[in-house]
Amino acid sequence: MPSKHKKRLLIVEDEKPIAKALQLKLSHSGFDVELAMNGEEALQCIEKNTFDLILLDLIMPKMNGFDFLEELKKRKNSVPVIVSSNLSQEEDMKRVKTLGAVDYYVKSNVTIAQVVEKVNRYLGA
């Protein structure tokens, strides 16, 4: 029986403890996970690989999440993006949805287990 394709995720997060915790939990849940520490690194990753989903922080050095989403849109890359941030203003949530994000959550309001559930919902896992 052929092996099932592992879903590939890109986590774009500059806070290393959060990035590593997400990577560990999602890897243990059966996903192939790659990390990028900012939007510039993330763009390099999507040039080299195809991803099924991106988890994107908004506030990062070099290239923030808003700029990354704009660049992704320009490149007509249709990979689903779930935004994670500590910005909880309604205008930020609307802006990321306008830029193409499929979902948005406030980091301080969810557990890593809830993030895994959200990823599973979007990827049908």
PDB file of N, CA and C in Angstrom:
ATOM      1  N   MET A   1       0.843  -1.183   0.000  1.00  0.00           N
ATOM      2  CA  MET A   1       0.000   0.000   0.000  1.00  0.00           C
ATOM      3  C   MET A   1       0.889   1.247   0.000  1.00  0.00           C
ATOM      4  N   PRO A   2       0.656   2.206  -0.904  1.00  0.00           N
ATOM      5  CA  PRO A   2       1.512   3.393  -0.956  1.00  0.00           C
ATOM      6  C   PRO A   2       1.376   4.242   0.302  1.00  0.00           C
ATOM      7  N   SER A   3       2.483   4.890   0.666  1.00  0.00           N
ATOM      8  CA  SER A   3       2.446   5.729   1.866  1.00  0.00           C
ATOM      9  C   SER A   3       1.667   7.009   1.578  1.00  0.00           C
ATOM     10  N   LYS A   4       0.976   7.479   2.569  1.00  0.00           N
ATOM     11  CA  LYS A   4       0.163   8.686   2.446  1.00  0.00           C
ATOM     12  C   LYS A   4       1.073   9.916   2.468  1.00  0.00           C
ATOM     13  N   HIS A   5       0.796  10.857   1.594  1.00  0.00           N
ATOM     14  CA  HIS A   5       1.560  12.109   1.519  1.00  0.00           C
ATOM     15  C   HIS A   5       1.394  12.893   2.817  1.00  0.00           C
ATOM     16  N   LYS A   6       2.521  13.234   3.440  1.00  0.00           N
ATOM     17  CA  LYS A   6       2.474  14.080   4.640  1.00  0.00           C
ATOM     18  C   LYS A   6       2.193  15.510   4.215  1.00  0.00           C
ATOM     19  N   LYS A   7       1.276  16.155   4.899  1.00  0.00           N
ATOM     20  CA  LYS A   7       0.974  17.558   4.615  1.00  0.00           C
ATOM     21  C   LYS A   7       2.143  18.415   5.095  1.00  0.00           C
ATOM     22  N   ARG A   8       2.537  19.369   4.266  1.00  0.00           N
ATOM     23  CA  ARG A   8       3.677  20.242   4.581  1.00  0.00           C
ATOM     24  C   ARG A   8       3.193  21.592   5.092  1.00  0.00           C
ATOM     25  N   LEU A   9       3.742  21.996   6.222  1.00  0.00           N
ATOM     26  CA  LEU A   9       3.395  23.278   6.833  1.00  0.00           C
ATOM     27  C   LEU A   9       4.628  24.160   6.914  1.00  0.00           C
ATOM     28  N   LEU A  10       4.408  25.445   6.753  1.00  0.00           N
ATOM     29  CA  LEU A  10       5.455  26.434   6.986  1.00  0.00           C
ATOM     30  C   LEU A  10       5.000  27.300   8.147  1.00  0.00           C
ATOM     31  N   ILE A  11       5.817  27.333   9.191  1.00  0.00           N
ATOM     32  CA  ILE A  11       5.543  28.189  10.343  1.00  0.00           C
ATOM     33  C   ILE A  11       6.454  29.405  10.226  1.00  0.00           C
ATOM     34  N   VAL A  12       5.858  30.582  10.163  1.00  0.00           N
ATOM     35  CA  VAL A  12       6.614  31.833  10.057  1.00  0.00           C
ATOM     36  C   VAL A  12       6.417  32.571  11.376  1.00  0.00           C
ATOM     37  N   GLU A  13       7.420  32.486  12.231  1.00  0.00           N
ATOM     38  CA  GLU A  13       7.308  32.972  13.615  1.00  0.00           C
ATOM     39  C   GLU A  13       8.692  33.348  14.113  1.00  0.00           C
ATOM     40  N   ASP A  14       8.854  34.585  14.603  1.00  0.00           N
ATOM     41  CA  ASP A  14      10.162  35.027  15.073  1.00  0.00           C
ATOM     42  C   ASP A  14      10.437  34.691  16.535  1.00  0.00           C
ATOM     43  N   GLU A  15       9.430  34.300  17.286  1.00  0.00           N
ATOM     44  CA  GLU A  15       9.642  33.912  18.682  1.00  0.00           C
ATOM     45  C   GLU A  15       9.991  32.428  18.713  1.00  0.00           C
ATOM     46  N   LYS A  16      11.303  32.138  18.911  1.00  0.00           N
ATOM     47  CA  LYS A  16      11.793  30.763  18.804  1.00  0.00           C
ATOM     48  C   LYS A  16      11.057  29.765  19.693  1.00  0.00           C
ATOM     49  N   PRO A  17      10.773  30.082  20.966  1.00  0.00           N
ATOM     50  CA  PRO A  17      10.068  29.086  21.793  1.00  0.00           C
ATOM     51  C   PRO A  17       8.692  28.713  21.228  1.00  0.00           C
ATOM     52  N   ILE A  18       7.975  29.697  20.707  1.00  0.00           N
ATOM     53  CA  ILE A  18       6.659  29.428  20.112  1.00  0.00           C
ATOM     54  C   ILE A  18       6.828  28.607  18.837  1.00  0.00           C
ATOM     55  N   ALA A  19       7.782  29.007  17.992  1.00  0.00           N
ATOM     56  CA  ALA A  19       8.020  28.297  16.733  1.00  0.00           C
ATOM     57  C   ALA A  19       8.389  26.841  16.993  1.00  0.00           C
ATOM     58  N   LYS A  20       9.296  26.607  17.936  1.00  0.00           N
ATOM     59  CA  LYS A  20       9.739  25.240  18.244  1.00  0.00           C
ATOM     60  C   LYS A  20       8.610  24.414  18.843  1.00  0.00           C
ATOM     61  N   ALA A  21       7.810  25.009  19.723  1.00  0.00           N
ATOM     62  CA  ALA A  21       6.687  24.283  20.334  1.00  0.00           C
ATOM     63  C   ALA A  21       5.668  23.883  19.268  1.00  0.00           C
ATOM     64  N   LEU A  22       5.353  24.798  18.361  1.00  0.00           N
ATOM     65  CA  LEU A  22       4.428  24.488  17.267  1.00  0.00           C
ATOM     66  C   LEU A  22       5.006  23.407  16.357  1.00  0.00           C
ATOM     67  N   GLN A  23       6.288  23.548  16.028  1.00  0.00           N
ATOM     68  CA  GLN A  23       6.936  22.563  15.165  1.00  0.00           C
ATOM     69  C   GLN A  23       6.879  21.172  15.794  1.00  0.00           C
ATOM     70  N   LEU A  24       7.207  21.078  17.059  1.00  0.00           N
ATOM     71  CA  LEU A  24       7.205  19.794  17.759  1.00  0.00           C
ATOM     72  C   LEU A  24       5.811  19.173  17.774  1.00  0.00           C
ATOM     73  N   LYS A  25       4.818  19.952  18.178  1.00  0.00           N
ATOM     74  CA  LYS A  25       3.448  19.437  18.297  1.00  0.00           C
ATOM     75  C   LYS A  25       2.887  19.049  16.926  1.00  0.00           C
ATOM     76  N   LEU A  26       3.108  19.870  15.926  1.00  0.00           N
ATOM     77  CA  LEU A  26       2.587  19.569  14.590  1.00  0.00           C
ATOM     78  C   LEU A  26       3.327  18.394  13.948  1.00  0.00           C
ATOM     79  N   SER A  27       4.627  18.281  14.193  1.00  0.00           N
ATOM     80  CA  SER A  27       5.391  17.129  13.694  1.00  0.00           C
ATOM     81  C   SER A  27       4.871  15.839  14.320  1.00  0.00           C
ATOM     82  N   HIS A  28       4.623  15.881  15.628  1.00  0.00           N
ATOM     83  CA  HIS A  28       4.082  14.710  16.330  1.00  0.00           C
ATOM     84  C   HIS A  28       2.669  14.378  15.857  1.00  0.00           C
ATOM     85  N   SER A  29       1.993  15.345  15.279  1.00  0.00           N
ATOM     86  CA  SER A  29       0.639  15.124  14.758  1.00  0.00           C
ATOM     87  C   SER A  29       0.662  14.632  13.311  1.00  0.00           C
ATOM     88  N   GLY A  30       1.863  14.400  12.776  1.00  0.00           N
ATOM     89  CA  GLY A  30       1.983  13.804  11.448  1.00  0.00           C
ATOM     90  C   GLY A  30       2.249  14.757  10.302  1.00  0.00           C
ATOM     91  N   PHE A  31       2.585  15.992  10.601  1.00  0.00           N
ATOM     92  CA  PHE A  31       2.863  16.967   9.547  1.00  0.00           C
ATOM     93  C   PHE A  31       4.361  17.117   9.327  1.00  0.00           C
ATOM     94  N   ASP A  32       4.734  17.462   8.107  1.00  0.00           N
ATOM     95  CA  ASP A  32       6.105  17.812   7.768  1.00  0.00           C
ATOM     96  C   ASP A  32       6.193  19.326   7.946  1.00  0.00           C
ATOM     97  N   VAL A  33       7.021  19.787   8.877  1.00  0.00           N
ATOM     98  CA  VAL A  33       7.017  21.200   9.271  1.00  0.00           C
ATOM     99  C   VAL A  33       8.366  21.857   9.000  1.00  0.00           C
ATOM    100  N   GLU A  34       8.309  23.042   8.403  1.00  0.00           N
ATOM    101  CA  GLU A  34       9.499  23.855   8.179  1.00  0.00           C
ATOM    102  C   GLU A  34       9.301  25.187   8.895  1.00  0.00           C
ATOM    103  N   LEU A  35      10.404  25.764   9.387  1.00  0.00           N
ATOM    104  CA  LEU A  35      10.336  27.035  10.114  1.00  0.00           C
ATOM    105  C   LEU A  35      11.005  28.159   9.326  1.00  0.00           C
ATOM    106  N   ALA A  36      10.430  29.351   9.437  1.00  0.00           N
ATOM    107  CA  ALA A  36      11.046  30.578   8.934  1.00  0.00           C
ATOM    108  C   ALA A  36      10.894  31.620  10.034  1.00  0.00           C
ATOM    109  N   MET A  37      11.915  32.427  10.244  1.00  0.00           N
ATOM    110  CA  MET A  37      11.913  33.388  11.350  1.00  0.00           C
ATOM    111  C   MET A  37      11.359  34.765  10.968  1.00  0.00           C
ATOM    112  N   ASN A  38      11.115  34.989   9.674  1.00  0.00           N
ATOM    113  CA  ASN A  38      10.544  36.260   9.220  1.00  0.00           C
ATOM    114  C   ASN A  38       9.993  36.080   7.808  1.00  0.00           C
ATOM    115  N   GLY A  39       9.358  37.113   7.296  1.00  0.00           N
ATOM    116  CA  GLY A  39       8.745  37.037   5.981  1.00  0.00           C
ATOM    117  C   GLY A  39       9.727  36.798   4.851  1.00  0.00           C
ATOM    118  N   GLU A  40      10.931  37.376   4.953  1.00  0.00           N
ATOM    119  CA  GLU A  40      11.943  37.165   3.909  1.00  0.00           C
ATOM    120  C   GLU A  40      12.325  35.696   3.822  1.00  0.00           C
ATOM    121  N   GLU A  41      12.587  35.067   4.989  1.00  0.00           N
ATOM    122  CA  GLU A  41      12.920  33.639   5.012  1.00  0.00           C
ATOM    123  C   GLU A  41      11.757  32.813   4.467  1.00  0.00           C
ATOM    124  N   ALA A  42      10.546  33.212   4.802  1.00  0.00           N
ATOM    125  CA  ALA A  42       9.365  32.481   4.340  1.00  0.00           C
ATOM    126  C   ALA A  42       9.255  32.523   2.817  1.00  0.00           C
ATOM    127  N   LEU A  43       9.535  33.677   2.215  1.00  0.00           N
ATOM    128  CA  LEU A  43       9.490  33.780   0.752  1.00  0.00           C
ATOM    129  C   LEU A  43      10.529  32.863   0.114  1.00  0.00           C
ATOM    130  N   GLN A  44      11.713  32.772   0.727  1.00  0.00           N
ATOM    131  CA  GLN A  44      12.738  31.852   0.224  1.00  0.00           C
ATOM    132  C   GLN A  44      12.248  30.408   0.315  1.00  0.00           C
ATOM    133  N   CYS A  45      11.569  30.079   1.399  1.00  0.00           N
ATOM    134  CA  CYS A  45      11.044  28.717   1.585  1.00  0.00           C
ATOM    135  C   CYS A  45      10.013  28.366   0.517  1.00  0.00           C
ATOM    136  N   ILE A  46       9.108  29.307   0.214  1.00  0.00           N
ATOM    137  CA  ILE A  46       8.058  28.981  -0.767  1.00  0.00           C
ATOM    138  C   ILE A  46       8.590  28.962  -2.200  1.00  0.00           C
ATOM    139  N   GLU A  47       9.772  29.565  -2.417  1.00  0.00           N
ATOM    140  CA  GLU A  47      10.402  29.460  -3.734  1.00  0.00           C
ATOM    141  C   GLU A  47      10.974  28.064  -3.943  1.00  0.00           C
ATOM    142  N   LYS A  48      11.399  27.419  -2.853  1.00  0.00           N
ATOM    143  CA  LYS A  48      12.053  26.107  -2.930  1.00  0.00           C
ATOM    144  C   LYS A  48      11.087  24.941  -2.749  1.00  0.00           C
ATOM    145  N   ASN A  49      10.009  25.145  -2.002  1.00  0.00           N
ATOM    146  CA  ASN A  49       9.105  24.055  -1.640  1.00  0.00           C
ATOM    147  C   ASN A  49       7.650  24.455  -1.821  1.00  0.00           C
ATOM    148  N   THR A  50       6.803  23.445  -1.864  1.00  0.00           N
ATOM    149  CA  THR A  50       5.363  23.652  -1.912  1.00  0.00           C
ATOM    150  C   THR A  50       4.806  23.316  -0.537  1.00  0.00           C
ATOM    151  N   PHE A  51       3.920  24.157  -0.033  1.00  0.00           N
ATOM    152  CA  PHE A  51       3.324  23.937   1.283  1.00  0.00           C
ATOM    153  C   PHE A  51       1.815  23.823   1.157  1.00  0.00           C
ATOM    154  N   ASP A  52       1.232  23.052   2.070  1.00  0.00           N
ATOM    155  CA  ASP A  52      -0.215  22.882   2.106  1.00  0.00           C
ATOM    156  C   ASP A  52      -0.884  23.952   2.959  1.00  0.00           C
ATOM    157  N   LEU A  53      -0.102  24.553   3.875  1.00  0.00           N
ATOM    158  CA  LEU A  53      -0.639  25.567   4.782  1.00  0.00           C
ATOM    159  C   LEU A  53       0.512  26.360   5.381  1.00  0.00           C
ATOM    160  N   ILE A  54       0.265  27.642   5.642  1.00  0.00           N
ATOM    161  CA  ILE A  54       1.250  28.499   6.310  1.00  0.00           C
ATOM    162  C   ILE A  54       0.618  29.055   7.575  1.00  0.00           C
ATOM    163  N   LEU A  55       1.348  28.946   8.695  1.00  0.00           N
ATOM    164  CA  LEU A  55       0.984  29.628   9.945  1.00  0.00           C
ATOM    165  C   LEU A  55       1.873  30.856  10.017  1.00  0.00           C
ATOM    166  N   LEU A  56       1.282  32.033  10.052  1.00  0.00           N
ATOM    167  CA  LEU A  56       2.025  33.284   9.896  1.00  0.00           C
ATOM    168  C   LEU A  56       1.827  34.234  11.062  1.00  0.00           C
ATOM    169  N   ASP A  57       2.938  34.633  11.677  1.00  0.00           N
ATOM    170  CA  ASP A  57       2.921  35.699  12.675  1.00  0.00           C
ATOM    171  C   ASP A  57       2.871  37.030  11.917  1.00  0.00           C
ATOM    172  N   LEU A  58       2.386  38.076  12.559  1.00  0.00           N
ATOM    173  CA  LEU A  58       2.324  39.381  11.893  1.00  0.00           C
ATOM    174  C   LEU A  58       3.508  40.277  12.206  1.00  0.00           C
ATOM    175  N   ILE A  59       3.881  40.351  13.473  1.00  0.00           N
ATOM    176  CA  ILE A  59       4.934  41.284  13.877  1.00  0.00           C
ATOM    177  C   ILE A  59       6.266  40.542  13.948  1.00  0.00           C
ATOM    178  N   MET A  60       7.115  40.808  12.940  1.00  0.00           N
ATOM    179  CA  MET A  60       8.419  40.146  12.830  1.00  0.00           C
ATOM    180  C   MET A  60       9.429  41.129  12.257  1.00  0.00           C
ATOM    181  N   PRO A  61      10.723  40.863  12.469  1.00  0.00           N
ATOM    182  CA  PRO A  61      11.755  41.710  11.865  1.00  0.00           C
ATOM    183  C   PRO A  61      11.874  41.441  10.361  1.00  0.00           C
ATOM    184  N   LYS A  62      12.558  42.303   9.676  1.00  0.00           N
ATOM    185  CA  LYS A  62      12.870  42.237   8.240  1.00  0.00           C
ATOM    186  C   LYS A  62      11.634  42.382   7.359  1.00  0.00           C
ATOM    187  N   MET A  63      10.716  41.436   7.411  1.00  0.00           N
ATOM    188  CA  MET A  63       9.472  41.539   6.642  1.00  0.00           C
ATOM    189  C   MET A  63       8.347  41.042   7.528  1.00  0.00           C
ATOM    190  N   ASN A  64       7.386  41.918   7.803  1.00  0.00           N
ATOM    191  CA  ASN A  64       6.287  41.518   8.692  1.00  0.00           C
ATOM    192  C   ASN A  64       5.249  40.683   7.937  1.00  0.00           C
ATOM    193  N   GLY A  65       4.280  40.181   8.674  1.00  0.00           N
ATOM    194  CA  GLY A  65       3.263  39.314   8.100  1.00  0.00           C
ATOM    195  C   GLY A  65       2.375  39.993   7.078  1.00  0.00           C
ATOM    196  N   PHE A  66       2.058  41.272   7.300  1.00  0.00           N
ATOM    197  CA  PHE A  66       1.247  42.009   6.327  1.00  0.00           C
ATOM    198  C   PHE A  66       1.965  42.080   4.973  1.00  0.00           C
ATOM    199  N   ASP A  67       3.261  42.442   5.014  1.00  0.00           N
ATOM    200  CA  ASP A  67       4.044  42.545   3.777  1.00  0.00           C
ATOM    201  C   ASP A  67       4.192  41.179   3.107  1.00  0.00           C
ATOM    202  N   PHE A  68       4.366  40.134   3.923  1.00  0.00           N
ATOM    203  CA  PHE A  68       4.464  38.780   3.377  1.00  0.00           C
ATOM    204  C   PHE A  68       3.176  38.406   2.638  1.00  0.00           C
ATOM    205  N   LEU A  69       2.025  38.679   3.257  1.00  0.00           N
ATOM    206  CA  LEU A  69       0.740  38.370   2.614  1.00  0.00           C
ATOM    207  C   LEU A  69       0.578  39.134   1.298  1.00  0.00           C
ATOM    208  N   GLU A  70       1.004  40.398   1.278  1.00  0.00           N
ATOM    209  CA  GLU A  70       0.926  41.195   0.048  1.00  0.00           C
ATOM    210  C   GLU A  70       1.799  40.590  -1.049  1.00  0.00           C
ATOM    211  N   GLU A  71       2.995  40.163  -0.666  1.00  0.00           N
ATOM    212  CA  GLU A  71       3.914  39.555  -1.639  1.00  0.00           C
ATOM    213  C   GLU A  71       3.373  38.213  -2.134  1.00  0.00           C
ATOM    214  N   LEU A  72       2.802  37.435  -1.244  1.00  0.00           N
ATOM    215  CA  LEU A  72       2.206  36.144  -1.611  1.00  0.00           C
ATOM    216  C   LEU A  72       1.084  36.356  -2.625  1.00  0.00           C
ATOM    217  N   LYS A  73       0.288  37.381  -2.381  1.00  0.00           N
ATOM    218  CA  LYS A  73      -0.827  37.710  -3.280  1.00  0.00           C
ATOM    219  C   LYS A  73      -0.300  38.123  -4.658  1.00  0.00           C
ATOM    220  N   LYS A  74       0.761  38.952  -4.686  1.00  0.00           N
ATOM    221  CA  LYS A  74       1.369  39.379  -5.951  1.00  0.00           C
ATOM    222  C   LYS A  74       1.863  38.182  -6.754  1.00  0.00           C
ATOM    223  N   ARG A  75       2.388  37.190  -6.041  1.00  0.00           N
ATOM    224  CA  ARG A  75       2.934  35.994  -6.702  1.00  0.00           C
ATOM    225  C   ARG A  75       1.842  34.996  -7.085  1.00  0.00           C
ATOM    226  N   LYS A  76       0.605  35.329  -6.756  1.00  0.00           N
ATOM    227  CA  LYS A  76      -0.545  34.466  -7.047  1.00  0.00           C
ATOM    228  C   LYS A  76      -0.382  33.072  -6.441  1.00  0.00           C
ATOM    229  N   ASN A  77       0.239  33.035  -5.265  1.00  0.00           N
ATOM    230  CA  ASN A  77       0.388  31.780  -4.536  1.00  0.00           C
ATOM    231  C   ASN A  77      -0.873  31.579  -3.711  1.00  0.00           C
ATOM    232  N   SER A  78      -1.542  30.468  -3.915  1.00  0.00           N
ATOM    233  CA  SER A  78      -2.846  30.252  -3.282  1.00  0.00           C
ATOM    234  C   SER A  78      -2.797  29.375  -2.033  1.00  0.00           C
ATOM    235  N   VAL A  79      -1.617  29.169  -1.467  1.00  0.00           N
ATOM    236  CA  VAL A  79      -1.532  28.356  -0.251  1.00  0.00           C
ATOM    237  C   VAL A  79      -2.341  29.025   0.863  1.00  0.00           C
ATOM    238  N   PRO A  80      -3.159  28.259   1.587  1.00  0.00           N
ATOM    239  CA  PRO A  80      -3.925  28.857   2.685  1.00  0.00           C
ATOM    240  C   PRO A  80      -2.998  29.361   3.798  1.00  0.00           C
ATOM    241  N   VAL A  81      -3.335  30.509   4.355  1.00  0.00           N
ATOM    242  CA  VAL A  81      -2.539  31.113   5.431  1.00  0.00           C
ATOM    243  C   VAL A  81      -3.436  31.354   6.636  1.00  0.00           C
ATOM    244  N   ILE A  82      -2.982  30.842   7.787  1.00  0.00           N
ATOM    245  CA  ILE A  82      -3.634  31.140   9.060  1.00  0.00           C
ATOM    246  C   ILE A  82      -2.719  32.102   9.797  1.00  0.00           C
ATOM    247  N   VAL A  83      -3.244  33.249  10.161  1.00  0.00           N
ATOM    248  CA  VAL A  83      -2.452  34.273  10.838  1.00  0.00           C
ATOM    249  C   VAL A  83      -2.577  34.116  12.345  1.00  0.00           C
ATOM    250  N   SER A  84      -1.411  34.183  13.005  1.00  0.00           N
ATOM    251  CA  SER A  84      -1.380  34.163  14.467  1.00  0.00           C
ATOM    252  C   SER A  84      -0.681  35.433  14.919  1.00  0.00           C
ATOM    253  N   SER A  85      -1.280  36.113  15.874  1.00  0.00           N
ATOM    254  CA  SER A  85      -0.685  37.367  16.324  1.00  0.00           C
ATOM    255  C   SER A  85      -1.203  37.729  17.701  1.00  0.00           C
ATOM    256  N   ASN A  86      -0.547  38.667  18.315  1.00  0.00           N
ATOM    257  CA  ASN A  86      -1.069  39.237  19.551  1.00  0.00           C
ATOM    258  C   ASN A  86      -1.826  40.531  19.263  1.00  0.00           C
ATOM    259  N   LEU A  87      -1.915  40.897  17.988  1.00  0.00           N
ATOM    260  CA  LEU A  87      -2.729  42.046  17.593  1.00  0.00           C
ATOM    261  C   LEU A  87      -4.177  41.579  17.537  1.00  0.00           C
ATOM    262  N   SER A  88      -5.017  42.183  18.340  1.00  0.00           N
ATOM    263  CA  SER A  88      -6.404  41.712  18.380  1.00  0.00           C
ATOM    264  C   SER A  88      -7.406  42.761  17.891  1.00  0.00           C
ATOM    265  N   GLN A  89      -6.906  43.824  17.277  1.00  0.00           N
ATOM    266  CA  GLN A  89      -7.806  44.855  16.772  1.00  0.00           C
ATOM    267  C   GLN A  89      -8.571  44.338  15.557  1.00  0.00           C
ATOM    268  N   GLU A  90      -9.827  44.708  15.491  1.00  0.00           N
ATOM    269  CA  GLU A  90     -10.699  44.286  14.390  1.00  0.00           C
ATOM    270  C   GLU A  90     -10.127  44.680  13.024  1.00  0.00           C
ATOM    271  N   GLU A  91      -9.508  45.878  12.931  1.00  0.00           N
ATOM    272  CA  GLU A  91      -8.979  46.311  11.633  1.00  0.00           C
ATOM    273  C   GLU A  91      -7.827  45.426  11.157  1.00  0.00           C
ATOM    274  N   ASP A  92      -7.013  44.905  12.098  1.00  0.00           N
ATOM    275  CA  ASP A  92      -5.934  43.983  11.713  1.00  0.00           C
ATOM    276  C   ASP A  92      -6.514  42.681  11.175  1.00  0.00           C
ATOM    277  N   MET A  93      -7.551  42.179  11.841  1.00  0.00           N
ATOM    278  CA  MET A  93      -8.195  40.943  11.398  1.00  0.00           C
ATOM    279  C   MET A  93      -8.795  41.117  10.001  1.00  0.00           C
ATOM    280  N   LYS A  94      -9.452  42.249   9.772  1.00  0.00           N
ATOM    281  CA  LYS A  94     -10.044  42.517   8.455  1.00  0.00           C
ATOM    282  C   LYS A  94      -8.956  42.649   7.394  1.00  0.00           C
ATOM    283  N   ARG A  95      -7.867  43.325   7.737  1.00  0.00           N
ATOM    284  CA  ARG A  95      -6.787  43.542   6.770  1.00  0.00           C
ATOM    285  C   ARG A  95      -6.173  42.220   6.314  1.00  0.00           C
ATOM    286  N   VAL A  96      -5.906  41.298   7.253  1.00  0.00           N
ATOM    287  CA  VAL A  96      -5.291  40.029   6.843  1.00  0.00           C
ATOM    288  C   VAL A  96      -6.249  39.195   5.998  1.00  0.00           C
ATOM    289  N   LYS A  97      -7.536  39.279   6.297  1.00  0.00           N
ATOM    290  CA  LYS A  97      -8.527  38.543   5.482  1.00  0.00           C
ATOM    291  C   LYS A  97      -8.568  39.136   4.069  1.00  0.00           C
ATOM    292  N   THR A  98      -8.494  40.466   3.972  1.00  0.00           N
ATOM    293  CA  THR A  98      -8.470  41.131   2.669  1.00  0.00           C
ATOM    294  C   THR A  98      -7.238  40.708   1.873  1.00  0.00           C
ATOM    295  N   LEU A  99      -6.135  40.483   2.574  1.00  0.00           N
ATOM    296  CA  LEU A  99      -4.889  40.074   1.919  1.00  0.00           C
ATOM    297  C   LEU A  99      -4.856  38.578   1.614  1.00  0.00           C
ATOM    298  N   GLY A 100      -5.911  37.850   1.983  1.00  0.00           N
ATOM    299  CA  GLY A 100      -5.995  36.447   1.586  1.00  0.00           C
ATOM    300  C   GLY A 100      -5.889  35.407   2.679  1.00  0.00           C
ATOM    301  N   ALA A 101      -5.688  35.810   3.925  1.00  0.00           N
ATOM    302  CA  ALA A 101      -5.613  34.822   5.006  1.00  0.00           C
ATOM    303  C   ALA A 101      -6.966  34.135   5.176  1.00  0.00           C
ATOM    304  N   VAL A 102      -6.935  32.833   5.465  1.00  0.00           N
ATOM    305  CA  VAL A 102      -8.179  32.082   5.639  1.00  0.00           C
ATOM    306  C   VAL A 102      -8.686  32.123   7.074  1.00  0.00           C
ATOM    307  N   ASP A 103      -7.790  32.441   8.013  1.00  0.00           N
ATOM    308  CA  ASP A 103      -8.191  32.484   9.419  1.00  0.00           C
ATOM    309  C   ASP A 103      -7.206  33.344  10.194  1.00  0.00           C
ATOM    310  N   TYR A 104      -7.597  33.691  11.414  1.00  0.00           N
ATOM    311  CA  TYR A 104      -6.803  34.576  12.271  1.00  0.00           C
ATOM    312  C   TYR A 104      -7.081  34.184  13.707  1.00  0.00           C
ATOM    313  N   TYR A 105      -6.030  34.053  14.496  1.00  0.00           N
ATOM    314  CA  TYR A 105      -6.251  33.839  15.929  1.00  0.00           C
ATOM    315  C   TYR A 105      -5.258  34.658  16.737  1.00  0.00           C
ATOM    316  N   VAL A 106      -5.681  35.017  17.933  1.00  0.00           N
ATOM    317  CA  VAL A 106      -4.835  35.769  18.855  1.00  0.00           C
ATOM    318  C   VAL A 106      -4.070  34.752  19.696  1.00  0.00           C
ATOM    319  N   LYS A 107      -2.736  34.810  19.629  1.00  0.00           N
ATOM    320  CA  LYS A 107      -1.877  33.815  20.284  1.00  0.00           C
ATOM    321  C   LYS A 107      -2.225  33.587  21.747  1.00  0.00           C
ATOM    322  N   SER A 108      -2.442  34.667  22.472  1.00  0.00           N
ATOM    323  CA  SER A 108      -2.672  34.544  23.911  1.00  0.00           C
ATOM    324  C   SER A 108      -4.019  33.907  24.241  1.00  0.00           C
ATOM    325  N   ASN A 109      -4.892  33.750  23.234  1.00  0.00           N
ATOM    326  CA  ASN A 109      -6.223  33.192  23.471  1.00  0.00           C
ATOM    327  C   ASN A 109      -6.359  31.722  23.115  1.00  0.00           C
ATOM    328  N   VAL A 110      -5.304  31.101  22.574  1.00  0.00           N
ATOM    329  CA  VAL A 110      -5.403  29.698  22.165  1.00  0.00           C
ATOM    330  C   VAL A 110      -4.219  28.880  22.676  1.00  0.00           C
ATOM    331  N   THR A 111      -4.465  27.583  22.828  1.00  0.00           N
ATOM    332  CA  THR A 111      -3.393  26.657  23.206  1.00  0.00           C
ATOM    333  C   THR A 111      -2.791  26.068  21.929  1.00  0.00           C
ATOM    334  N   ILE A 112      -1.640  25.445  22.073  1.00  0.00           N
ATOM    335  CA  ILE A 112      -1.023  24.795  20.917  1.00  0.00           C
ATOM    336  C   ILE A 112      -1.922  23.671  20.408  1.00  0.00           C
ATOM    337  N   ALA A 113      -2.578  22.961  21.316  1.00  0.00           N
ATOM    338  CA  ALA A 113      -3.511  21.897  20.911  1.00  0.00           C
ATOM    339  C   ALA A 113      -4.641  22.467  20.050  1.00  0.00           C
ATOM    340  N   GLN A 114      -5.110  23.659  20.380  1.00  0.00           N
ATOM    341  CA  GLN A 114      -6.165  24.292  19.578  1.00  0.00           C
ATOM    342  C   GLN A 114      -5.646  24.702  18.197  1.00  0.00           C
ATOM    343  N   VAL A 115      -4.383  25.097  18.129  1.00  0.00           N
ATOM    344  CA  VAL A 115      -3.781  25.430  16.832  1.00  0.00           C
ATOM    345  C   VAL A 115      -3.725  24.167  15.966  1.00  0.00           C
ATOM    346  N   VAL A 116      -3.326  23.047  16.565  1.00  0.00           N
ATOM    347  CA  VAL A 116      -3.278  21.776  15.833  1.00  0.00           C
ATOM    348  C   VAL A 116      -4.674  21.412  15.318  1.00  0.00           C
ATOM    349  N   GLU A 117      -5.693  21.584  16.150  1.00  0.00           N
ATOM    350  CA  GLU A 117      -7.078  21.316  15.726  1.00  0.00           C
ATOM    351  C   GLU A 117      -7.459  22.191  14.530  1.00  0.00           C
ATOM    352  N   LYS A 118      -7.074  23.458  14.593  1.00  0.00           N
ATOM    353  CA  LYS A 118      -7.379  24.405  13.507  1.00  0.00           C
ATOM    354  C   LYS A 118      -6.686  23.964  12.214  1.00  0.00           C
ATOM    355  N   VAL A 119      -5.423  23.577  12.313  1.00  0.00           N
ATOM    356  CA  VAL A 119      -4.674  23.098  11.150  1.00  0.00           C
ATOM    357  C   VAL A 119      -5.353  21.858  10.572  1.00  0.00           C
ATOM    358  N   ASN A 120      -5.728  20.926  11.435  1.00  0.00           N
ATOM    359  CA  ASN A 120      -6.407  19.704  10.983  1.00  0.00           C
ATOM    360  C   ASN A 120      -7.707  20.022  10.253  1.00  0.00           C
ATOM    361  N   ARG A 121      -8.449  21.000  10.749  1.00  0.00           N
ATOM    362  CA  ARG A 121      -9.705  21.391  10.093  1.00  0.00           C
ATOM    363  C   ARG A 121      -9.454  21.898   8.671  1.00  0.00           C
ATOM    364  N   TYR A 122      -8.427  22.727   8.517  1.00  0.00           N
ATOM    365  CA  TYR A 122      -8.151  23.293   7.196  1.00  0.00           C
ATOM    366  C   TYR A 122      -7.561  22.286   6.225  1.00  0.00           C
ATOM    367  N   LEU A 123      -6.835  21.324   6.743  1.00  0.00           N
ATOM    368  CA  LEU A 123      -6.193  20.352   5.857  1.00  0.00           C
ATOM    369  C   LEU A 123      -6.969  19.050   5.746  1.00  0.00           C
ATOM    370  N   GLY A 124      -8.090  18.977   6.425  1.00  0.00           N
ATOM    371  CA  GLY A 124      -8.909  17.772   6.350  1.00  0.00           C
ATOM    372  C   GLY A 124      -8.225  16.551   6.924  1.00  0.00           C
ATOM    373  N   ALA A 125      -7.316  16.773   7.871  1.00  0.00           N
ATOM    374  CA  ALA A 125      -6.570  15.652   8.472  1.00  0.00           C
ATOM    375  C   ALA A 125      -7.340  15.046   9.631  1.00  0.00           C
TER     376      ALA A 125
END
